[in-house]
């Protein structure tokens, strides 16, 4: 079952986020990592909010352990995010009607 992952990074900036994405080899608007179905990020009053949709929680957890955690630390993000997991009831796939 697909899982929505909401990450709240208190004290983080969009500039740090851009550094992390670069270290992952990802580009804005481009394809995501294997297992990811969707992604967006926005600045908040106290940091950044990242919302992902993954094929499974296990795939997200492995990616978080291997890439999100280490690259966030390298970029100087002050601590781990508050993470909320939600089972996705439905989602849309871009270009599915093409």
PDB file of N, CA and C in Angstrom:
ATOM      1  N   UNK A   1       0.845  -1.176   0.000  1.00  0.00           N
ATOM      2  CA  UNK A   1       0.000   0.000   0.000  1.00  0.00           C
ATOM      3  C   UNK A   1       0.892   1.241   0.000  1.00  0.00           C
ATOM      4  N   UNK A   2       0.514   2.231  -0.798  1.00  0.00           N
ATOM      5  CA  UNK A   2       1.260   3.486  -0.848  1.00  0.00           C
ATOM      6  C   UNK A   2       1.160   4.214   0.489  1.00  0.00           C
ATOM      7  N   UNK A   3       2.236   4.915   0.831  1.00  0.00           N
ATOM      8  CA  UNK A   3       2.276   5.639   2.093  1.00  0.00           C
ATOM      9  C   UNK A   3       2.683   7.085   1.854  1.00  0.00           C
ATOM     10  N   UNK A   4       1.932   7.998   2.481  1.00  0.00           N
ATOM     11  CA  UNK A   4       2.293   9.409   2.475  1.00  0.00           C
ATOM     12  C   UNK A   4       3.247   9.637   3.643  1.00  0.00           C
ATOM     13  N   UNK A   5       4.305  10.396   3.392  1.00  0.00           N
ATOM     14  CA  UNK A   5       5.296  10.689   4.422  1.00  0.00           C
ATOM     15  C   UNK A   5       5.412  12.206   4.513  1.00  0.00           C
ATOM     16  N   UNK A   6       5.084  12.742   5.682  1.00  0.00           N
ATOM     17  CA  UNK A   6       5.147  14.180   5.910  1.00  0.00           C
ATOM     18  C   UNK A   6       6.304  14.441   6.859  1.00  0.00           C
ATOM     19  N   UNK A   7       7.289  15.214   6.391  1.00  0.00           N
ATOM     20  CA  UNK A   7       8.487  15.509   7.181  1.00  0.00           C
ATOM     21  C   UNK A   7       8.540  16.999   7.491  1.00  0.00           C
ATOM     22  N   UNK A   8       8.608  17.331   8.782  1.00  0.00           N
ATOM     23  CA  UNK A   8       8.703  18.718   9.219  1.00  0.00           C
ATOM     24  C   UNK A   8      10.108  18.948   9.767  1.00  0.00           C
ATOM     25  N   UNK A   9      10.897  19.751   9.045  1.00  0.00           N
ATOM     26  CA  UNK A   9      12.271  20.045   9.427  1.00  0.00           C
ATOM     27  C   UNK A   9      12.328  21.431  10.074  1.00  0.00           C
ATOM     28  N   UNK A  10      12.243  21.487  11.393  1.00  0.00           N
ATOM     29  CA  UNK A  10      12.323  22.762  12.101  1.00  0.00           C
ATOM     30  C   UNK A  10      13.732  23.336  11.945  1.00  0.00           C
ATOM     31  N   UNK A  11      13.806  24.635  11.656  1.00  0.00           N
ATOM     32  CA  UNK A  11      15.092  25.309  11.544  1.00  0.00           C
ATOM     33  C   UNK A  11      15.809  25.121  10.222  1.00  0.00           C
ATOM     34  N   UNK A  12      15.231  24.356   9.313  1.00  0.00           N
ATOM     35  CA  UNK A  12      15.865  24.113   8.012  1.00  0.00           C
ATOM     36  C   UNK A  12      15.451  25.193   7.018  1.00  0.00           C
ATOM     37  N   UNK A  13      16.258  25.355   5.966  1.00  0.00           N
ATOM     38  CA  UNK A  13      15.977  26.342   4.924  1.00  0.00           C
ATOM     39  C   UNK A  13      15.837  25.652   3.570  1.00  0.00           C
ATOM     40  N   UNK A  14      15.234  26.373   2.639  1.00  0.00           N
ATOM     41  CA  UNK A  14      15.133  25.845   1.278  1.00  0.00           C
ATOM     42  C   UNK A  14      16.513  25.730   0.633  1.00  0.00           C
ATOM     43  N   UNK A  15      17.439  26.578   1.016  1.00  0.00           N
ATOM     44  CA  UNK A  15      18.804  26.480   0.496  1.00  0.00           C
ATOM     45  C   UNK A  15      19.450  25.163   0.935  1.00  0.00           C
ATOM     46  N   UNK A  16      19.245  24.772   2.189  1.00  0.00           N
ATOM     47  CA  UNK A  16      19.760  23.486   2.660  1.00  0.00           C
ATOM     48  C   UNK A  16      19.085  22.341   1.918  1.00  0.00           C
ATOM     49  N   UNK A  17      17.780  22.452   1.720  1.00  0.00           N
ATOM     50  CA  UNK A  17      17.047  21.442   0.959  1.00  0.00           C
ATOM     51  C   UNK A  17      17.656  21.284  -0.435  1.00  0.00           C
ATOM     52  N   UNK A  18      17.927  22.410  -1.104  1.00  0.00           N
ATOM     53  CA  UNK A  18      18.514  22.356  -2.448  1.00  0.00           C
ATOM     54  C   UNK A  18      19.872  21.658  -2.433  1.00  0.00           C
ATOM     55  N   UNK A  19      20.659  21.880  -1.382  1.00  0.00           N
ATOM     56  CA  UNK A  19      21.949  21.186  -1.248  1.00  0.00           C
ATOM     57  C   UNK A  19      21.735  19.672  -1.153  1.00  0.00           C
ATOM     58  N   UNK A  20      20.765  19.271  -0.351  1.00  0.00           N
ATOM     59  CA  UNK A  20      20.495  17.848  -0.146  1.00  0.00           C
ATOM     60  C   UNK A  20      20.042  17.191  -1.446  1.00  0.00           C
ATOM     61  N   UNK A  21      19.138  17.838  -2.160  1.00  0.00           N
ATOM     62  CA  UNK A  21      18.656  17.299  -3.430  1.00  0.00           C
ATOM     63  C   UNK A  21      19.820  17.142  -4.416  1.00  0.00           C
ATOM     64  N   UNK A  22      20.712  18.129  -4.445  1.00  0.00           N
ATOM     65  CA  UNK A  22      21.891  18.042  -5.299  1.00  0.00           C
ATOM     66  C   UNK A  22      22.772  16.859  -4.937  1.00  0.00           C
ATOM     67  N   UNK A  23      22.982  16.632  -3.646  1.00  0.00           N
ATOM     68  CA  UNK A  23      23.806  15.498  -3.200  1.00  0.00           C
ATOM     69  C   UNK A  23      23.163  14.165  -3.589  1.00  0.00           C
ATOM     70  N   UNK A  24      21.826  14.151  -3.667  1.00  0.00           N
ATOM     71  CA  UNK A  24      21.113  12.931  -4.054  1.00  0.00           C
ATOM     72  C   UNK A  24      21.135  12.715  -5.566  1.00  0.00           C
ATOM     73  N   UNK A  25      21.577  13.719  -6.319  1.00  0.00           N
ATOM     74  CA  UNK A  25      21.589  13.612  -7.771  1.00  0.00           C
ATOM     75  C   UNK A  25      20.216  13.829  -8.391  1.00  0.00           C
ATOM     76  N   UNK A  26      19.310  14.477  -7.641  1.00  0.00           N
ATOM     77  CA  UNK A  26      17.961  14.738  -8.136  1.00  0.00           C
ATOM     78  C   UNK A  26      17.865  16.171  -8.648  1.00  0.00           C
ATOM     79  N   UNK A  27      16.963  16.407  -9.575  1.00  0.00           N
ATOM     80  CA  UNK A  27      16.767  17.747 -10.119  1.00  0.00           C
ATOM     81  C   UNK A  27      15.299  18.150  -9.978  1.00  0.00           C
ATOM     82  N   UNK A  28      15.050  19.445  -9.718  1.00  0.00           N
ATOM     83  CA  UNK A  28      13.663  19.913  -9.601  1.00  0.00           C
ATOM     84  C   UNK A  28      12.855  19.556 -10.852  1.00  0.00           C
ATOM     85  N   UNK A  29      11.678  18.983 -10.640  1.00  0.00           N
ATOM     86  CA  UNK A  29      10.809  18.606 -11.747  1.00  0.00           C
ATOM     87  C   UNK A  29      11.205  17.319 -12.435  1.00  0.00           C
ATOM     88  N   UNK A  30      12.325  16.732 -12.032  1.00  0.00           N
ATOM     89  CA  UNK A  30      12.796  15.506 -12.671  1.00  0.00           C
ATOM     90  C   UNK A  30      12.266  14.263 -11.978  1.00  0.00           C
ATOM     91  N   UNK A  31      12.738  13.104 -12.413  1.00  0.00           N
ATOM     92  CA  UNK A  31      12.296  11.859 -11.793  1.00  0.00           C
ATOM     93  C   UNK A  31      12.841  11.739 -10.374  1.00  0.00           C
ATOM     94  N   UNK A  32      12.102  11.035  -9.543  1.00  0.00           N
ATOM     95  CA  UNK A  32      12.517  10.827  -8.163  1.00  0.00           C
ATOM     96  C   UNK A  32      13.261   9.523  -8.001  1.00  0.00           C
ATOM     97  N   UNK A  33      13.612   9.210  -6.777  1.00  0.00           N
ATOM     98  CA  UNK A  33      14.309   7.945  -6.517  1.00  0.00           C
ATOM     99  C   UNK A  33      13.379   6.749  -6.702  1.00  0.00           C
ATOM    100  N   UNK A  34      13.954   5.583  -6.858  1.00  0.00           N
ATOM    101  CA  UNK A  34      13.170   4.358  -7.012  1.00  0.00           C
ATOM    102  C   UNK A  34      12.236   4.189  -5.829  1.00  0.00           C
ATOM    103  N   UNK A  35      10.961   3.946  -6.106  1.00  0.00           N
ATOM    104  CA  UNK A  35       9.970   3.735  -5.063  1.00  0.00           C
ATOM    105  C   UNK A  35       9.164   4.969  -4.711  1.00  0.00           C
ATOM    106  N   UNK A  36       9.648   6.140  -5.127  1.00  0.00           N
ATOM    107  CA  UNK A  36       8.923   7.387  -4.839  1.00  0.00           C
ATOM    108  C   UNK A  36       7.855   7.614  -5.901  1.00  0.00           C
ATOM    109  N   UNK A  37       6.676   8.031  -5.459  1.00  0.00           N
ATOM    110  CA  UNK A  37       5.570   8.299  -6.373  1.00  0.00           C
ATOM    111  C   UNK A  37       5.285   9.786  -6.521  1.00  0.00           C
ATOM    112  N   UNK A  38       5.706  10.587  -5.563  1.00  0.00           N
ATOM    113  CA  UNK A  38       5.457  12.025  -5.613  1.00  0.00           C
ATOM    114  C   UNK A  38       6.237  12.732  -4.526  1.00  0.00           C
ATOM    115  N   UNK A  39       6.424  14.048  -4.705  1.00  0.00           N
ATOM    116  CA  UNK A  39       7.232  14.823  -3.766  1.00  0.00           C
ATOM    117  C   UNK A  39       6.947  16.300  -3.964  1.00  0.00           C
ATOM    118  N   UNK A  40       6.880  17.049  -2.851  1.00  0.00           N
ATOM    119  CA  UNK A  40       6.868  18.504  -2.913  1.00  0.00           C
ATOM    120  C   UNK A  40       7.418  19.053  -1.603  1.00  0.00           C
ATOM    121  N   UNK A  41       7.893  20.293  -1.665  1.00  0.00           N
ATOM    122  CA  UNK A  41       8.474  20.945  -0.488  1.00  0.00           C
ATOM    123  C   UNK A  41       8.015  22.394  -0.450  1.00  0.00           C
ATOM    124  N   UNK A  42       7.881  22.935   0.769  1.00  0.00           N
ATOM    125  CA  UNK A  42       7.510  24.338   0.936  1.00  0.00           C
ATOM    126  C   UNK A  42       8.151  24.868   2.216  1.00  0.00           C
ATOM    127  N   UNK A  43       8.434  26.164   2.211  1.00  0.00           N
ATOM    128  CA  UNK A  43       8.914  26.825   3.421  1.00  0.00           C
ATOM    129  C   UNK A  43       7.740  27.008   4.376  1.00  0.00           C
ATOM    130  N   UNK A  44       8.017  26.926   5.673  1.00  0.00           N
ATOM    131  CA  UNK A  44       7.025  27.194   6.711  1.00  0.00           C
ATOM    132  C   UNK A  44       7.555  28.324   7.587  1.00  0.00           C
ATOM    133  N   UNK A  45       6.788  28.717   8.579  1.00  0.00           N
ATOM    134  CA  UNK A  45       7.235  29.783   9.473  1.00  0.00           C
ATOM    135  C   UNK A  45       8.472  29.405  10.268  1.00  0.00           C
ATOM    136  N   UNK A  46       8.687  28.105  10.493  1.00  0.00           N
ATOM    137  CA  UNK A  46       9.837  27.700  11.308  1.00  0.00           C
ATOM    138  C   UNK A  46      10.742  26.662  10.644  1.00  0.00           C
ATOM    139  N   UNK A  47      10.675  26.514   9.330  1.00  0.00           N
ATOM    140  CA  UNK A  47      11.542  25.543   8.657  1.00  0.00           C
ATOM    141  C   UNK A  47      11.011  25.178   7.294  1.00  0.00           C
ATOM    142  N   UNK A  48      11.043  23.882   6.988  1.00  0.00           N
ATOM    143  CA  UNK A  48      10.496  23.400   5.719  1.00  0.00           C
ATOM    144  C   UNK A  48       9.602  22.190   5.975  1.00  0.00           C
ATOM    145  N   UNK A  49       8.659  22.003   5.072  1.00  0.00           N
ATOM    146  CA  UNK A  49       7.743  20.866   5.091  1.00  0.00           C
ATOM    147  C   UNK A  49       7.946  20.097   3.797  1.00  0.00           C
ATOM    148  N   UNK A  50       8.252  18.822   3.922  1.00  0.00           N
ATOM    149  CA  UNK A  50       8.437  17.952   2.758  1.00  0.00           C
ATOM    150  C   UNK A  50       7.353  16.885   2.815  1.00  0.00           C
ATOM    151  N   UNK A  51       6.641  16.714   1.707  1.00  0.00           N
ATOM    152  CA  UNK A  51       5.603  15.686   1.636  1.00  0.00           C
ATOM    153  C   UNK A  51       5.921  14.757   0.471  1.00  0.00           C
ATOM    154  N   UNK A  52       6.020  13.484   0.792  1.00  0.00           N
ATOM    155  CA  UNK A  52       6.326  12.457  -0.202  1.00  0.00           C
ATOM    156  C   UNK A  52       5.203  11.441  -0.264  1.00  0.00           C
ATOM    157  N   UNK A  53       5.150  10.724  -1.380  1.00  0.00           N
ATOM    158  CA  UNK A  53       4.308   9.551  -1.523  1.00  0.00           C
ATOM    159  C   UNK A  53       5.222   8.439  -2.023  1.00  0.00           C
ATOM    160  N   UNK A  54       5.248   7.327  -1.292  1.00  0.00           N
ATOM    161  CA  UNK A  54       6.118   6.200  -1.608  1.00  0.00           C
ATOM    162  C   UNK A  54       5.298   4.946  -1.837  1.00  0.00           C
ATOM    163  N   UNK A  55       5.848   4.021  -2.629  1.00  0.00           N
ATOM    164  CA  UNK A  55       5.165   2.751  -2.882  1.00  0.00           C
ATOM    165  C   UNK A  55       4.948   1.992  -1.584  1.00  0.00           C
ATOM    166  N   UNK A  56       5.957   2.005  -0.688  1.00  0.00           N
ATOM    167  CA  UNK A  56       5.850   1.336   0.612  1.00  0.00           C
ATOM    168  C   UNK A  56       6.635   2.122   1.666  1.00  0.00           C
ATOM    169  N   UNK A  57       6.286   1.924   2.915  1.00  0.00           N
ATOM    170  CA  UNK A  57       7.018   2.546   4.023  1.00  0.00           C
ATOM    171  C   UNK A  57       8.448   2.009   4.076  1.00  0.00           C
ATOM    172  N   UNK A  58       8.630   0.727   3.795  1.00  0.00           N
ATOM    173  CA  UNK A  58       9.966   0.129   3.832  1.00  0.00           C
ATOM    174  C   UNK A  58      10.903   0.798   2.826  1.00  0.00           C
ATOM    175  N   UNK A  59      10.407   1.091   1.620  1.00  0.00           N
ATOM    176  CA  UNK A  59      11.242   1.772   0.628  1.00  0.00           C
ATOM    177  C   UNK A  59      11.625   3.173   1.099  1.00  0.00           C
ATOM    178  N   UNK A  60      10.656   3.892   1.676  1.00  0.00           N
ATOM    179  CA  UNK A  60      10.971   5.225   2.210  1.00  0.00           C
ATOM    180  C   UNK A  60      11.990   5.117   3.347  1.00  0.00           C
ATOM    181  N   UNK A  61      11.761   4.213   4.284  1.00  0.00           N
ATOM    182  CA  UNK A  61      12.660   4.087   5.435  1.00  0.00           C
ATOM    183  C   UNK A  61      14.096   3.804   5.007  1.00  0.00           C
ATOM    184  N   UNK A  62      14.280   2.943   4.016  1.00  0.00           N
ATOM    185  CA  UNK A  62      15.628   2.644   3.519  1.00  0.00           C
ATOM    186  C   UNK A  62      16.257   3.892   2.898  1.00  0.00           C
ATOM    187  N   UNK A  63      15.489   4.624   2.103  1.00  0.00           N
ATOM    188  CA  UNK A  63      15.997   5.846   1.477  1.00  0.00           C
ATOM    189  C   UNK A  63      16.329   6.891   2.534  1.00  0.00           C
ATOM    190  N   UNK A  64      15.487   7.023   3.541  1.00  0.00           N
ATOM    191  CA  UNK A  64      15.733   7.998   4.609  1.00  0.00           C
ATOM    192  C   UNK A  64      17.025   7.665   5.347  1.00  0.00           C
ATOM    193  N   UNK A  65      17.233   6.396   5.645  1.00  0.00           N
ATOM    194  CA  UNK A  65      18.432   5.966   6.368  1.00  0.00           C
ATOM    195  C   UNK A  65      19.693   6.171   5.535  1.00  0.00           C
ATOM    196  N   UNK A  66      19.618   5.851   4.247  1.00  0.00           N
ATOM    197  CA  UNK A  66      20.797   5.903   3.379  1.00  0.00           C
ATOM    198  C   UNK A  66      21.102   7.301   2.857  1.00  0.00           C
ATOM    199  N   UNK A  67      20.066   8.138   2.656  1.00  0.00           N
ATOM    200  CA  UNK A  67      20.304   9.421   2.005  1.00  0.00           C
ATOM    201  C   UNK A  67      19.782  10.628   2.777  1.00  0.00           C
ATOM    202  N   UNK A  68      18.516  10.630   3.164  1.00  0.00           N
ATOM    203  CA  UNK A  68      17.953  11.817   3.798  1.00  0.00           C
ATOM    204  C   UNK A  68      18.708  12.163   5.080  1.00  0.00           C
ATOM    205  N   UNK A  69      18.888  11.203   5.957  1.00  0.00           N
ATOM    206  CA  UNK A  69      19.569  11.453   7.230  1.00  0.00           C
ATOM    207  C   UNK A  69      20.992  11.963   7.059  1.00  0.00           C
ATOM    208  N   UNK A  70      21.842  11.206   6.359  1.00  0.00           N
ATOM    209  CA  UNK A  70      23.224  11.648   6.207  1.00  0.00           C
ATOM    210  C   UNK A  70      23.367  12.983   5.462  1.00  0.00           C
ATOM    211  N   UNK A  71      22.628  13.178   4.378  1.00  0.00           N
ATOM    212  CA  UNK A  71      22.758  14.419   3.610  1.00  0.00           C
ATOM    213  C   UNK A  71      22.181  15.614   4.366  1.00  0.00           C
ATOM    214  N   UNK A  72      21.151  15.392   5.167  1.00  0.00           N
ATOM    215  CA  UNK A  72      20.604  16.468   5.995  1.00  0.00           C
ATOM    216  C   UNK A  72      21.643  16.927   7.019  1.00  0.00           C
ATOM    217  N   UNK A  73      22.331  15.974   7.627  1.00  0.00           N
ATOM    218  CA  UNK A  73      23.379  16.315   8.593  1.00  0.00           C
ATOM    219  C   UNK A  73      24.510  17.085   7.912  1.00  0.00           C
ATOM    220  N   UNK A  74      24.925  16.636   6.726  1.00  0.00           N
ATOM    221  CA  UNK A  74      25.981  17.329   5.979  1.00  0.00           C
ATOM    222  C   UNK A  74      25.590  18.766   5.634  1.00  0.00           C
ATOM    223  N   UNK A  75      24.301  18.994   5.363  1.00  0.00           N
ATOM    224  CA  UNK A  75      23.829  20.330   4.991  1.00  0.00           C
ATOM    225  C   UNK A  75      23.627  21.230   6.211  1.00  0.00           C
ATOM    226  N   UNK A  76      23.798  20.678   7.412  1.00  0.00           N
ATOM    227  CA  UNK A  76      23.688  21.474   8.621  1.00  0.00           C
ATOM    228  C   UNK A  76      22.288  21.613   9.184  1.00  0.00           C
ATOM    229  N   UNK A  77      21.376  20.746   8.776  1.00  0.00           N
ATOM    230  CA  UNK A  77      20.024  20.787   9.346  1.00  0.00           C
ATOM    231  C   UNK A  77      20.135  20.358  10.811  1.00  0.00           C
ATOM    232  N   UNK A  78      19.530  21.133  11.717  1.00  0.00           N
ATOM    233  CA  UNK A  78      19.788  20.962  13.145  1.00  0.00           C
ATOM    234  C   UNK A  78      19.342  19.648  13.790  1.00  0.00           C
ATOM    235  N   UNK A  79      18.488  18.895  13.175  1.00  0.00           N
ATOM    236  CA  UNK A  79      18.063  17.634  13.782  1.00  0.00           C
ATOM    237  C   UNK A  79      17.167  16.863  12.853  1.00  0.00           C
ATOM    238  N   UNK A  80      16.768  15.665  13.286  1.00  0.00           N
ATOM    239  CA  UNK A  80      15.879  14.870  12.434  1.00  0.00           C
ATOM    240  C   UNK A  80      14.507  15.522  12.342  1.00  0.00           C
ATOM    241  N   UNK A  81      13.792  15.231  11.265  1.00  0.00           N
ATOM    242  CA  UNK A  81      12.455  15.815  11.115  1.00  0.00           C
ATOM    243  C   UNK A  81      11.429  15.103  11.990  1.00  0.00           C
ATOM    244  N   UNK A  82      10.336  15.798  12.224  1.00  0.00           N
ATOM    245  CA  UNK A  82       9.148  15.139  12.766  1.00  0.00           C
ATOM    246  C   UNK A  82       8.501  14.456  11.568  1.00  0.00           C
ATOM    247  N   UNK A  83       8.286  13.154  11.644  1.00  0.00           N
ATOM    248  CA  UNK A  83       7.765  12.390  10.513  1.00  0.00           C
ATOM    249  C   UNK A  83       6.388  11.836  10.852  1.00  0.00           C
ATOM    250  N   UNK A  84       5.450  12.019   9.932  1.00  0.00           N
ATOM    251  CA  UNK A  84       4.112  11.455  10.056  1.00  0.00           C
ATOM    252  C   UNK A  84       3.876  10.549   8.848  1.00  0.00           C
ATOM    253  N   UNK A  85       3.392   9.339   9.098  1.00  0.00           N
ATOM    254  CA  UNK A  85       3.069   8.381   8.038  1.00  0.00           C
ATOM    255  C   UNK A  85       1.551   8.230   7.954  1.00  0.00           C
ATOM    256  N   UNK A  86       1.041   8.223   6.738  1.00  0.00           N
ATOM    257  CA  UNK A  86      -0.387   8.002   6.509  1.00  0.00           C
ATOM    258  C   UNK A  86      -0.555   7.021   5.353  1.00  0.00           C
ATOM    259  N   UNK A  87      -1.419   6.033   5.525  1.00  0.00           N
ATOM    260  CA  UNK A  87      -1.720   5.137   4.409  1.00  0.00           C
ATOM    261  C   UNK A  87      -2.518   5.921   3.374  1.00  0.00           C
ATOM    262  N   UNK A  88      -2.066   5.890   2.126  1.00  0.00           N
ATOM    263  CA  UNK A  88      -2.726   6.637   1.056  1.00  0.00           C
ATOM    264  C   UNK A  88      -3.931   5.832   0.551  1.00  0.00           C
ATOM    265  N   UNK A  89      -5.079   6.427   0.612  1.00  0.00           N
ATOM    266  CA  UNK A  89      -6.288   5.776   0.089  1.00  0.00           C
ATOM    267  C   UNK A  89      -6.311   5.805  -1.441  1.00  0.00           C
ATOM    268  N   UNK A  90      -5.799   6.912  -2.017  1.00  0.00           N
ATOM    269  CA  UNK A  90      -5.784   7.072  -3.467  1.00  0.00           C
ATOM    270  C   UNK A  90      -4.710   8.072  -3.828  1.00  0.00           C
ATOM    271  N   UNK A  91      -4.243   8.022  -5.056  1.00  0.00           N
ATOM    272  CA  UNK A  91      -3.340   9.040  -5.582  1.00  0.00           C
ATOM    273  C   UNK A  91      -3.483   9.047  -7.092  1.00  0.00           C
ATOM    274  N   UNK A  92      -3.085  10.154  -7.694  1.00  0.00           N
ATOM    275  CA  UNK A  92      -3.132  10.294  -9.143  1.00  0.00           C
ATOM    276  C   UNK A  92      -1.734  10.232  -9.707  1.00  0.00           C
ATOM    277  N   UNK A  93      -1.605   9.685 -10.902  1.00  0.00           N
ATOM    278  CA  UNK A  93      -0.322   9.574 -11.582  1.00  0.00           C
ATOM    279  C   UNK A  93      -0.291  10.565 -12.739  1.00  0.00           C
ATOM    280  N   UNK A  94       0.654  11.504 -12.712  1.00  0.00           N
ATOM    281  CA  UNK A  94       0.733  12.468 -13.810  1.00  0.00           C
ATOM    282  C   UNK A  94       0.918  11.772 -15.154  1.00  0.00           C
ATOM    283  N   UNK A  95       0.196  12.253 -16.151  1.00  0.00           N
ATOM    284  CA  UNK A  95       0.342  11.714 -17.507  1.00  0.00           C
ATOM    285  C   UNK A  95      -0.377  10.396 -17.745  1.00  0.00           C
ATOM    286  N   UNK A  96      -1.119   9.911 -16.763  1.00  0.00           N
ATOM    287  CA  UNK A  96      -1.794   8.617 -16.929  1.00  0.00           C
ATOM    288  C   UNK A  96      -2.865   8.677 -18.015  1.00  0.00           C
ATOM    289  N   UNK A  97      -3.382   9.887 -18.310  1.00  0.00           N
ATOM    290  CA  UNK A  97      -4.429   9.998 -19.321  1.00  0.00           C
ATOM    291  C   UNK A  97      -3.867  10.190 -20.737  1.00  0.00           C
ATOM    292  N   UNK A  98      -2.558  10.270 -20.833  1.00  0.00           N
ATOM    293  CA  UNK A  98      -1.924  10.508 -22.155  1.00  0.00           C
ATOM    294  C   UNK A  98      -1.947   9.270 -23.013  1.00  0.00           C
TER     295      UNK A  98
END
